[in-house]
Amino acid sequence: MSIKEGTKFQISQGIQSYFNSAESLTVLSNNGITIQFTLGDGKGYGSMPVEHLDYLLKKSNLSLIPNKRSLLSADHDEEQIG
Protein backbone atom coordinates (compact mmCIF):
# COMPACT_ATOMS: atom_id res chain seq x y z
CA MET A 1 0.00 0.00 0.00
CA SER A 2 1.30 3.42 -0.93
CA ILE A 3 0.92 5.76 2.03
CA LYS A 4 0.35 9.31 0.83
CA GLU A 5 0.01 12.65 2.58
CA GLY A 6 -3.51 13.13 3.90
CA THR A 7 -4.20 9.40 4.31
CA LYS A 8 -6.34 8.86 7.39
CA PHE A 9 -6.41 5.77 9.60
CA GLN A 10 -8.73 4.67 12.40
CA ILE A 11 -6.87 3.51 15.53
CA SER A 12 -8.25 0.34 17.16
CA GLN A 13 -9.38 0.63 20.78
CA GLY A 14 -6.70 -1.82 21.90
CA ILE A 15 -3.85 0.58 21.09
CA GLN A 16 -5.51 3.99 21.49
CA SER A 17 -3.76 4.39 24.85
CA TYR A 18 -0.42 4.50 22.96
CA PHE A 19 -1.76 7.38 20.84
CA ASN A 20 -3.11 9.72 23.58
CA SER A 21 -6.54 8.02 23.31
CA ALA A 22 -6.98 9.43 19.79
CA GLU A 23 -9.38 7.65 17.46
CA SER A 24 -7.64 8.60 14.21
CA LEU A 25 -4.23 9.31 12.72
CA THR A 26 -3.57 11.42 9.60
CA VAL A 27 -0.32 11.18 7.61
CA LEU A 28 1.45 14.52 7.15
CA SER A 29 4.49 13.28 5.24
CA ASN A 30 6.22 10.10 4.10
CA ASN A 31 9.87 10.24 3.06
CA GLY A 32 10.07 6.48 2.47
CA ILE A 33 11.71 5.82 5.84
CA THR A 34 9.62 7.78 8.35
CA ILE A 35 5.94 8.71 8.54
CA GLN A 36 4.98 11.98 10.25
CA PHE A 37 1.39 12.16 11.50
CA THR A 38 -1.14 14.11 13.53
CA LEU A 39 -3.67 12.56 15.86
CA GLY A 40 -7.38 13.24 15.67
CA ASP A 41 -9.12 15.78 17.90
CA GLY A 42 -5.87 17.73 18.29
CA LYS A 43 -4.42 15.10 20.61
CA GLY A 44 -0.88 15.46 19.33
CA TYR A 45 1.53 14.48 16.60
CA GLY A 46 4.46 12.16 16.07
CA SER A 47 6.47 10.03 13.71
CA MET A 48 7.25 6.36 13.23
CA PRO A 49 9.19 4.18 10.81
CA VAL A 50 7.26 3.07 7.71
CA GLU A 51 7.89 -0.56 8.73
CA HIS A 52 6.09 0.02 12.05
CA LEU A 53 3.07 1.53 10.32
CA ASP A 54 2.99 -1.48 7.99
CA TYR A 55 3.11 -3.76 11.05
CA LEU A 56 0.18 -1.92 12.69
CA LEU A 57 -1.82 -2.25 9.46
CA LYS A 58 -1.01 -5.97 9.20
CA LYS A 59 -2.12 -6.55 12.82
CA SER A 60 -5.35 -4.58 12.14
CA ASN A 61 -4.43 -2.02 14.80
CA LEU A 62 -4.91 0.66 12.15
CA SER A 63 -7.50 0.61 9.41
CA LEU A 64 -7.75 2.91 6.41
CA ILE A 65 -10.54 5.47 6.43
CA PRO A 66 -11.46 6.00 2.77
CA ASN A 67 -11.64 9.62 1.71
CA LYS A 68 -14.84 11.03 0.25
CA ARG A 69 -13.29 11.54 -3.18
CA SER A 70 -12.49 7.84 -3.60
CA LEU A 71 -15.99 6.89 -2.45
CA LEU A 72 -17.55 9.27 -4.98
CA SER A 73 -15.40 7.96 -7.83
CA ALA A 74 -16.32 4.35 -6.92
CA ASP A 75 -20.04 5.25 -7.01
CA HIS A 76 -19.58 6.98 -10.36
CA ASP A 77 -17.82 3.95 -11.88
CA GLU A 78 -20.66 1.63 -10.79
CA GLU A 79 -23.24 3.89 -12.44
CA GLN A 80 -21.43 3.71 -15.76
CA ILE A 81 -21.31 -0.11 -15.67
CA GLY A 82 -25.03 -0.56 -14.99
PDB file of N, CA and C in Angstrom:
ATOM      1  N   MET A   1       0.844  -1.182   0.000  1.00  0.00           N
ATOM      2  CA  MET A   1       0.000   0.000   0.000  1.00  0.00           C
ATOM      3  C   MET A   1       0.888   1.245   0.000  1.00  0.00           C
ATOM      4  N   SER A   2       0.583   2.157  -0.875  1.00  0.00           N
ATOM      5  CA  SER A   2       1.296   3.420  -0.934  1.00  0.00           C
ATOM      6  C   SER A   2       0.652   4.379   0.075  1.00  0.00           C
ATOM      7  N   ILE A   3       1.428   4.884   0.994  1.00  0.00           N
ATOM      8  CA  ILE A   3       0.917   5.763   2.034  1.00  0.00           C
ATOM      9  C   ILE A   3       1.241   7.202   1.641  1.00  0.00           C
ATOM     10  N   LYS A   4       0.187   7.949   1.334  1.00  0.00           N
ATOM     11  CA  LYS A   4       0.345   9.311   0.834  1.00  0.00           C
ATOM     12  C   LYS A   4      -0.029  10.331   1.903  1.00  0.00           C
ATOM     13  N   GLU A   5       0.402  11.556   1.686  1.00  0.00           N
ATOM     14  CA  GLU A   5       0.012  12.648   2.577  1.00  0.00           C
ATOM     15  C   GLU A   5      -1.504  12.768   2.599  1.00  0.00           C
ATOM     16  N   GLY A   6      -2.066  12.972   3.768  1.00  0.00           N
ATOM     17  CA  GLY A   6      -3.510  13.128   3.905  1.00  0.00           C
ATOM     18  C   GLY A   6      -4.244  11.826   4.140  1.00  0.00           C
ATOM     19  N   THR A   7      -3.559  10.685   4.050  1.00  0.00           N
ATOM     20  CA  THR A   7      -4.198   9.402   4.307  1.00  0.00           C
ATOM     21  C   THR A   7      -4.596   9.335   5.778  1.00  0.00           C
ATOM     22  N   LYS A   8      -5.826   8.892   6.028  1.00  0.00           N
ATOM     23  CA  LYS A   8      -6.343   8.864   7.391  1.00  0.00           C
ATOM     24  C   LYS A   8      -6.609   7.429   7.813  1.00  0.00           C
ATOM     25  N   PHE A   9      -6.231   7.103   9.056  1.00  0.00           N
ATOM     26  CA  PHE A   9      -6.413   5.766   9.596  1.00  0.00           C
ATOM     27  C   PHE A   9      -7.195   5.829  10.897  1.00  0.00           C
ATOM     28  N   GLN A  10      -8.036   4.821  11.130  1.00  0.00           N
ATOM     29  CA  GLN A  10      -8.726   4.672  12.398  1.00  0.00           C
ATOM     30  C   GLN A  10      -7.844   3.824  13.303  1.00  0.00           C
ATOM     31  N   ILE A  11      -7.691   4.228  14.557  1.00  0.00           N
ATOM     32  CA  ILE A  11      -6.871   3.507  15.526  1.00  0.00           C
ATOM     33  C   ILE A  11      -7.777   2.584  16.333  1.00  0.00           C
ATOM     34  N   SER A  12      -7.418   1.296  16.421  1.00  0.00           N
ATOM     35  CA  SER A  12      -8.247   0.345  17.161  1.00  0.00           C
ATOM     36  C   SER A  12      -8.218   0.679  18.652  1.00  0.00           C
ATOM     37  N   GLN A  13      -9.276   0.308  19.359  1.00  0.00           N
ATOM     38  CA  GLN A  13      -9.385   0.628  20.778  1.00  0.00           C
ATOM     39  C   GLN A  13      -8.255   0.014  21.591  1.00  0.00           C
ATOM     40  N   GLY A  14      -7.746  -1.129  21.157  1.00  0.00           N
ATOM     41  CA  GLY A  14      -6.701  -1.818  21.896  1.00  0.00           C
ATOM     42  C   GLY A  14      -5.390  -1.053  21.996  1.00  0.00           C
ATOM     43  N   ILE A  15      -5.120  -0.160  21.046  1.00  0.00           N
ATOM     44  CA  ILE A  15      -3.849   0.583  21.089  1.00  0.00           C
ATOM     45  C   ILE A  15      -4.044   2.092  21.197  1.00  0.00           C
ATOM     46  N   GLN A  16      -5.277   2.552  21.384  1.00  0.00           N
ATOM     47  CA  GLN A  16      -5.511   3.991  21.493  1.00  0.00           C
ATOM     48  C   GLN A  16      -4.745   4.618  22.646  1.00  0.00           C
ATOM     49  N   SER A  17      -4.487   3.844  23.696  1.00  0.00           N
ATOM     50  CA  SER A  17      -3.756   4.395  24.847  1.00  0.00           C
ATOM     51  C   SER A  17      -2.324   4.787  24.458  1.00  0.00           C
ATOM     52  N   TYR A  18      -1.754   4.147  23.442  1.00  0.00           N
ATOM     53  CA  TYR A  18      -0.416   4.499  22.963  1.00  0.00           C
ATOM     54  C   TYR A  18      -0.420   5.776  22.123  1.00  0.00           C
ATOM     55  N   PHE A  19      -1.607   6.209  21.705  1.00  0.00           N
ATOM     56  CA  PHE A  19      -1.762   7.383  20.843  1.00  0.00           C
ATOM     57  C   PHE A  19      -2.623   8.452  21.517  1.00  0.00           C
ATOM     58  N   ASN A  20      -2.395   8.685  22.813  1.00  0.00           N
ATOM     59  CA  ASN A  20      -3.112   9.716  23.575  1.00  0.00           C
ATOM     60  C   ASN A  20      -4.632   9.575  23.478  1.00  0.00           C
ATOM     61  N   SER A  21      -5.117   8.349  23.397  1.00  0.00           N
ATOM     62  CA  SER A  21      -6.541   8.024  23.307  1.00  0.00           C
ATOM     63  C   SER A  21      -7.213   8.612  22.068  1.00  0.00           C
ATOM     64  N   ALA A  22      -6.424   8.909  21.047  1.00  0.00           N
ATOM     65  CA  ALA A  22      -6.979   9.429  19.789  1.00  0.00           C
ATOM     66  C   ALA A  22      -7.652   8.295  19.018  1.00  0.00           C
ATOM     67  N   GLU A  23      -8.673   8.640  18.262  1.00  0.00           N
ATOM     68  CA  GLU A  23      -9.384   7.649  17.459  1.00  0.00           C
ATOM     69  C   GLU A  23      -8.879   7.577  16.029  1.00  0.00           C
ATOM     70  N   SER A  24      -8.129   8.597  15.592  1.00  0.00           N
ATOM     71  CA  SER A  24      -7.644   8.600  14.211  1.00  0.00           C
ATOM     72  C   SER A  24      -6.243   9.181  14.122  1.00  0.00           C
ATOM     73  N   LEU A  25      -5.602   8.872  13.008  1.00  0.00           N
ATOM     74  CA  LEU A  25      -4.232   9.313  12.717  1.00  0.00           C
ATOM     75  C   LEU A  25      -4.213   9.747  11.254  1.00  0.00           C
ATOM     76  N   THR A  26      -3.654  10.914  10.963  1.00  0.00           N
ATOM     77  CA  THR A  26      -3.571  11.421   9.597  1.00  0.00           C
ATOM     78  C   THR A  26      -2.111  11.634   9.221  1.00  0.00           C
ATOM     79  N   VAL A  27      -1.704  11.078   8.073  1.00  0.00           N
ATOM     80  CA  VAL A  27      -0.323  11.177   7.614  1.00  0.00           C
ATOM     81  C   VAL A  27      -0.050  12.587   7.097  1.00  0.00           C
ATOM     82  N   LEU A  28       1.020  13.202   7.623  1.00  0.00           N
ATOM     83  CA  LEU A  28       1.450  14.520   7.149  1.00  0.00           C
ATOM     84  C   LEU A  28       2.494  14.389   6.055  1.00  0.00           C
ATOM     85  N   SER A  29       3.455  13.471   6.252  1.00  0.00           N
ATOM     86  CA  SER A  29       4.494  13.278   5.245  1.00  0.00           C
ATOM     87  C   SER A  29       5.053  11.867   5.336  1.00  0.00           C
ATOM     88  N   ASN A  30       5.597  11.415   4.202  1.00  0.00           N
ATOM     89  CA  ASN A  30       6.218  10.101   4.101  1.00  0.00           C
ATOM     90  C   ASN A  30       7.452  10.267   3.235  1.00  0.00           C
ATOM     91  N   ASN A  31       8.640  10.107   3.836  1.00  0.00           N
ATOM     92  CA  ASN A  31       9.868  10.244   3.055  1.00  0.00           C
ATOM     93  C   ASN A  31      10.430   8.882   2.644  1.00  0.00           C
ATOM     94  N   GLY A  32       9.634   7.818   2.826  1.00  0.00           N
ATOM     95  CA  GLY A  32      10.069   6.476   2.468  1.00  0.00           C
ATOM     96  C   GLY A  32      10.680   5.724   3.632  1.00  0.00           C
ATOM     97  N   ILE A  33      11.111   6.438   4.658  1.00  0.00           N
ATOM     98  CA  ILE A  33      11.705   5.821   5.841  1.00  0.00           C
ATOM     99  C   ILE A  33      10.847   6.095   7.077  1.00  0.00           C
ATOM    100  N   THR A  34      10.362   7.335   7.177  1.00  0.00           N
ATOM    101  CA  THR A  34       9.616   7.775   8.351  1.00  0.00           C
ATOM    102  C   THR A  34       8.287   8.406   7.936  1.00  0.00           C
ATOM    103  N   ILE A  35       7.266   8.113   8.721  1.00  0.00           N
ATOM    104  CA  ILE A  35       5.942   8.714   8.540  1.00  0.00           C
ATOM    105  C   ILE A  35       5.760   9.756   9.634  1.00  0.00           C
ATOM    106  N   GLN A  36       5.367  10.974   9.272  1.00  0.00           N
ATOM    107  CA  GLN A  36       4.984  11.976  10.252  1.00  0.00           C
ATOM    108  C   GLN A  36       3.466  12.064  10.228  1.00  0.00           C
ATOM    109  N   PHE A  37       2.845  12.196  11.419  1.00  0.00           N
ATOM    110  CA  PHE A  37       1.393  12.160  11.502  1.00  0.00           C
ATOM    111  C   PHE A  37       0.879  13.099  12.578  1.00  0.00           C
ATOM    112  N   THR A  38      -0.421  13.407  12.468  1.00  0.00           N
ATOM    113  CA  THR A  38      -1.139  14.105  13.535  1.00  0.00           C
ATOM    114  C   THR A  38      -2.230  13.175  14.030  1.00  0.00           C
ATOM    115  N   LEU A  39      -2.599  13.347  15.272  1.00  0.00           N
ATOM    116  CA  LEU A  39      -3.666  12.556  15.861  1.00  0.00           C
ATOM    117  C   LEU A  39      -4.969  13.336  15.816  1.00  0.00           C
ATOM    118  N   GLY A  40      -6.071  12.610  15.741  1.00  0.00           N
ATOM    119  CA  GLY A  40      -7.382  13.242  15.670  1.00  0.00           C
ATOM    120  C   GLY A  40      -7.707  14.029  16.924  1.00  0.00           C
ATOM    121  N   ASP A  41      -8.643  14.933  16.805  1.00  0.00           N
ATOM    122  CA  ASP A  41      -9.122  15.783  17.897  1.00  0.00           C
ATOM    123  C   ASP A  41      -8.006  16.599  18.543  1.00  0.00           C
ATOM    124  N   GLY A  42      -6.953  16.910  17.775  1.00  0.00           N
ATOM    125  CA  GLY A  42      -5.869  17.734  18.290  1.00  0.00           C
ATOM    126  C   GLY A  42      -5.107  17.113  19.449  1.00  0.00           C
ATOM    127  N   LYS A  43      -5.053  15.785  19.482  1.00  0.00           N
ATOM    128  CA  LYS A  43      -4.424  15.097  20.613  1.00  0.00           C
ATOM    129  C   LYS A  43      -2.920  14.916  20.458  1.00  0.00           C
ATOM    130  N   GLY A  44      -2.324  15.510  19.447  1.00  0.00           N
ATOM    131  CA  GLY A  44      -0.877  15.459  19.329  1.00  0.00           C
ATOM    132  C   GLY A  44      -0.401  15.112  17.938  1.00  0.00           C
ATOM    133  N   TYR A  45       0.888  14.810  17.862  1.00  0.00           N
ATOM    134  CA  TYR A  45       1.527  14.478  16.597  1.00  0.00           C
ATOM    135  C   TYR A  45       2.715  13.582  16.898  1.00  0.00           C
ATOM    136  N   GLY A  46       3.294  13.017  15.866  1.00  0.00           N
ATOM    137  CA  GLY A  46       4.458  12.164  16.067  1.00  0.00           C
ATOM    138  C   GLY A  46       4.994  11.640  14.763  1.00  0.00           C
ATOM    139  N   SER A  47       5.894  10.678  14.880  1.00  0.00           N
ATOM    140  CA  SER A  47       6.465  10.032  13.707  1.00  0.00           C
ATOM    141  C   SER A  47       6.781   8.584  14.063  1.00  0.00           C
ATOM    142  N   MET A  48       6.898   7.757  13.046  1.00  0.00           N
ATOM    143  CA  MET A  48       7.252   6.355  13.228  1.00  0.00           C
ATOM    144  C   MET A  48       7.859   5.838  11.938  1.00  0.00           C
ATOM    145  N   PRO A  49       8.650   4.787  12.027  1.00  0.00           N
ATOM    146  CA  PRO A  49       9.194   4.177  10.809  1.00  0.00           C
ATOM    147  C   PRO A  49       8.067   3.598   9.944  1.00  0.00           C
ATOM    148  N   VAL A  50       8.247   3.621   8.638  1.00  0.00           N
ATOM    149  CA  VAL A  50       7.262   3.070   7.709  1.00  0.00           C
ATOM    150  C   VAL A  50       6.998   1.608   8.044  1.00  0.00           C
ATOM    151  N   GLU A  51       8.046   0.862   8.411  1.00  0.00           N
ATOM    152  CA  GLU A  51       7.885  -0.560   8.735  1.00  0.00           C
ATOM    153  C   GLU A  51       6.937  -0.759   9.915  1.00  0.00           C
ATOM    154  N   HIS A  52       6.973   0.148  10.895  1.00  0.00           N
ATOM    155  CA  HIS A  52       6.090   0.016  12.048  1.00  0.00           C
ATOM    156  C   HIS A  52       4.638   0.289  11.651  1.00  0.00           C
ATOM    157  N   LEU A  53       4.428   1.269  10.799  1.00  0.00           N
ATOM    158  CA  LEU A  53       3.072   1.533  10.323  1.00  0.00           C
ATOM    159  C   LEU A  53       2.551   0.327   9.552  1.00  0.00           C
ATOM    160  N   ASP A  54       3.385  -0.272   8.710  1.00  0.00           N
ATOM    161  CA  ASP A  54       2.986  -1.481   7.986  1.00  0.00           C
ATOM    162  C   ASP A  54       2.610  -2.601   8.952  1.00  0.00           C
ATOM    163  N   TYR A  55       3.383  -2.746  10.036  1.00  0.00           N
ATOM    164  CA  TYR A  55       3.110  -3.762  11.054  1.00  0.00           C
ATOM    165  C   TYR A  55       1.749  -3.512  11.705  1.00  0.00           C
ATOM    166  N   LEU A  56       1.459  -2.249  12.066  1.00  0.00           N
ATOM    167  CA  LEU A  56       0.176  -1.919  12.687  1.00  0.00           C
ATOM    168  C   LEU A  56      -0.986  -2.192  11.739  1.00  0.00           C
ATOM    169  N   LEU A  57      -0.781  -1.950  10.454  1.00  0.00           N
ATOM    170  CA  LEU A  57      -1.817  -2.253   9.459  1.00  0.00           C
ATOM    171  C   LEU A  57      -2.028  -3.757   9.349  1.00  0.00           C
ATOM    172  N   LYS A  58      -0.932  -4.510   9.322  1.00  0.00           N
ATOM    173  CA  LYS A  58      -1.006  -5.965   9.197  1.00  0.00           C
ATOM    174  C   LYS A  58      -1.727  -6.586  10.391  1.00  0.00           C
ATOM    175  N   LYS A  59      -1.493  -6.046  11.588  1.00  0.00           N
ATOM    176  CA  LYS A  59      -2.119  -6.552  12.817  1.00  0.00           C
ATOM    177  C   LYS A  59      -3.526  -6.000  13.023  1.00  0.00           C
ATOM    178  N   SER A  60      -4.020  -5.215  12.079  1.00  0.00           N
ATOM    179  CA  SER A  60      -5.348  -4.584  12.143  1.00  0.00           C
ATOM    180  C   SER A  60      -5.486  -3.627  13.318  1.00  0.00           C
ATOM    181  N   ASN A  61      -4.368  -3.056  13.775  1.00  0.00           N
ATOM    182  CA  ASN A  61      -4.432  -2.020  14.803  1.00  0.00           C
ATOM    183  C   ASN A  61      -4.776  -0.665  14.198  1.00  0.00           C
ATOM    184  N   LEU A  62      -4.510  -0.525  12.912  1.00  0.00           N
ATOM    185  CA  LEU A  62      -4.910   0.658  12.153  1.00  0.00           C
ATOM    186  C   LEU A  62      -5.714   0.185  10.953  1.00  0.00           C
ATOM    187  N   SER A  63      -6.741   0.929  10.616  1.00  0.00           N
ATOM    188  CA  SER A  63      -7.501   0.608   9.406  1.00  0.00           C
ATOM    189  C   SER A  63      -7.725   1.893   8.611  1.00  0.00           C
ATOM    190  N   LEU A  64      -7.625   1.767   7.311  1.00  0.00           N
ATOM    191  CA  LEU A  64      -7.745   2.907   6.407  1.00  0.00           C
ATOM    192  C   LEU A  64      -9.158   3.464   6.434  1.00  0.00           C
ATOM    193  N   ILE A  65      -9.257   4.774   6.554  1.00  0.00           N
ATOM    194  CA  ILE A  65     -10.541   5.466   6.434  1.00  0.00           C
ATOM    195  C   ILE A  65     -10.576   6.032   5.024  1.00  0.00           C
ATOM    196  N   PRO A  66     -11.450   5.502   4.152  1.00  0.00           N
ATOM    197  CA  PRO A  66     -11.460   6.000   2.772  1.00  0.00           C
ATOM    198  C   PRO A  66     -11.897   7.461   2.721  1.00  0.00           C
ATOM    199  N   ASN A  67     -11.246   8.219   1.829  1.00  0.00           N
ATOM    200  CA  ASN A  67     -11.637   9.621   1.708  1.00  0.00           C
ATOM    201  C   ASN A  67     -12.885   9.734   0.841  1.00  0.00           C
ATOM    202  N   LYS A  68     -13.570  10.840   0.950  1.00  0.00           N
ATOM    203  CA  LYS A  68     -14.841  11.027   0.245  1.00  0.00           C
ATOM    204  C   LYS A  68     -14.657  11.011  -1.270  1.00  0.00           C
ATOM    205  N   ARG A  69     -13.531  11.500  -1.740  1.00  0.00           N
ATOM    206  CA  ARG A  69     -13.293  11.541  -3.179  1.00  0.00           C
ATOM    207  C   ARG A  69     -13.251  10.125  -3.759  1.00  0.00           C
ATOM    208  N   SER A  70     -12.573   9.207  -3.074  1.00  0.00           N
ATOM    209  CA  SER A  70     -12.492   7.841  -3.597  1.00  0.00           C
ATOM    210  C   SER A  70     -13.848   7.160  -3.544  1.00  0.00           C
ATOM    211  N   LEU A  71     -14.648   7.466  -2.521  1.00  0.00           N
ATOM    212  CA  LEU A  71     -15.986   6.893  -2.449  1.00  0.00           C
ATOM    213  C   LEU A  71     -16.859   7.410  -3.591  1.00  0.00           C
ATOM    214  N   LEU A  72     -16.756   8.697  -3.896  1.00  0.00           N
ATOM    215  CA  LEU A  72     -17.548   9.273  -4.984  1.00  0.00           C
ATOM    216  C   LEU A  72     -17.138   8.694  -6.334  1.00  0.00           C
ATOM    217  N   SER A  73     -15.846   8.506  -6.546  1.00  0.00           N
ATOM    218  CA  SER A  73     -15.404   7.960  -7.826  1.00  0.00           C
ATOM    219  C   SER A  73     -15.823   6.499  -7.963  1.00  0.00           C
ATOM    220  N   ALA A  74     -15.870   5.743  -6.865  1.00  0.00           N
ATOM    221  CA  ALA A  74     -16.317   4.348  -6.919  1.00  0.00           C
ATOM    222  C   ALA A  74     -17.800   4.293  -7.266  1.00  0.00           C
ATOM    223  N   ASP A  75     -18.618   5.192  -6.687  1.00  0.00           N
ATOM    224  CA  ASP A  75     -20.041   5.246  -7.013  1.00  0.00           C
ATOM    225  C   ASP A  75     -20.247   5.617  -8.467  1.00  0.00           C
ATOM    226  N   HIS A  76     -19.456   6.533  -8.972  1.00  0.00           N
ATOM    227  CA  HIS A  76     -19.576   6.983 -10.361  1.00  0.00           C
ATOM    228  C   HIS A  76     -19.237   5.853 -11.316  1.00  0.00           C
ATOM    229  N   ASP A  77     -18.211   5.070 -11.021  1.00  0.00           N
ATOM    230  CA  ASP A  77     -17.820   3.950 -11.884  1.00  0.00           C
ATOM    231  C   ASP A  77     -18.926   2.902 -11.940  1.00  0.00           C
ATOM    232  N   GLU A  78     -19.594   2.631 -10.812  1.00  0.00           N
ATOM    233  CA  GLU A  78     -20.656   1.633 -10.792  1.00  0.00           C
ATOM    234  C   GLU A  78     -21.843   2.083 -11.657  1.00  0.00           C
ATOM    235  N   GLU A  79     -22.139   3.380 -11.639  1.00  0.00           N
ATOM    236  CA  GLU A  79     -23.243   3.886 -12.436  1.00  0.00           C
ATOM    237  C   GLU A  79     -22.986   3.700 -13.934  1.00  0.00           C
ATOM    238  N   GLN A  80     -21.753   3.862 -14.354  1.00  0.00           N
ATOM    239  CA  GLN A  80     -21.429   3.710 -15.758  1.00  0.00           C
ATOM    240  C   GLN A  80     -21.539   2.261 -16.214  1.00  0.00           C
ATOM    241  N   ILE A  81     -21.261   1.308 -15.327  1.00  0.00           N
ATOM    242  CA  ILE A  81     -21.311  -0.112 -15.674  1.00  0.00           C
ATOM    243  C   ILE A  81     -22.754  -0.552 -15.880  1.00  0.00           C
ATOM    244  N   GLY A  82     -23.647  -0.102 -14.972  1.00  0.00           N
ATOM    245  CA  GLY A  82     -25.031  -0.556 -14.987  1.00  0.00           C
ATOM    246  C   GLY A  82     -25.773   0.026 -16.114  1.00  0.00           C
TER     247      GLY A  82
END
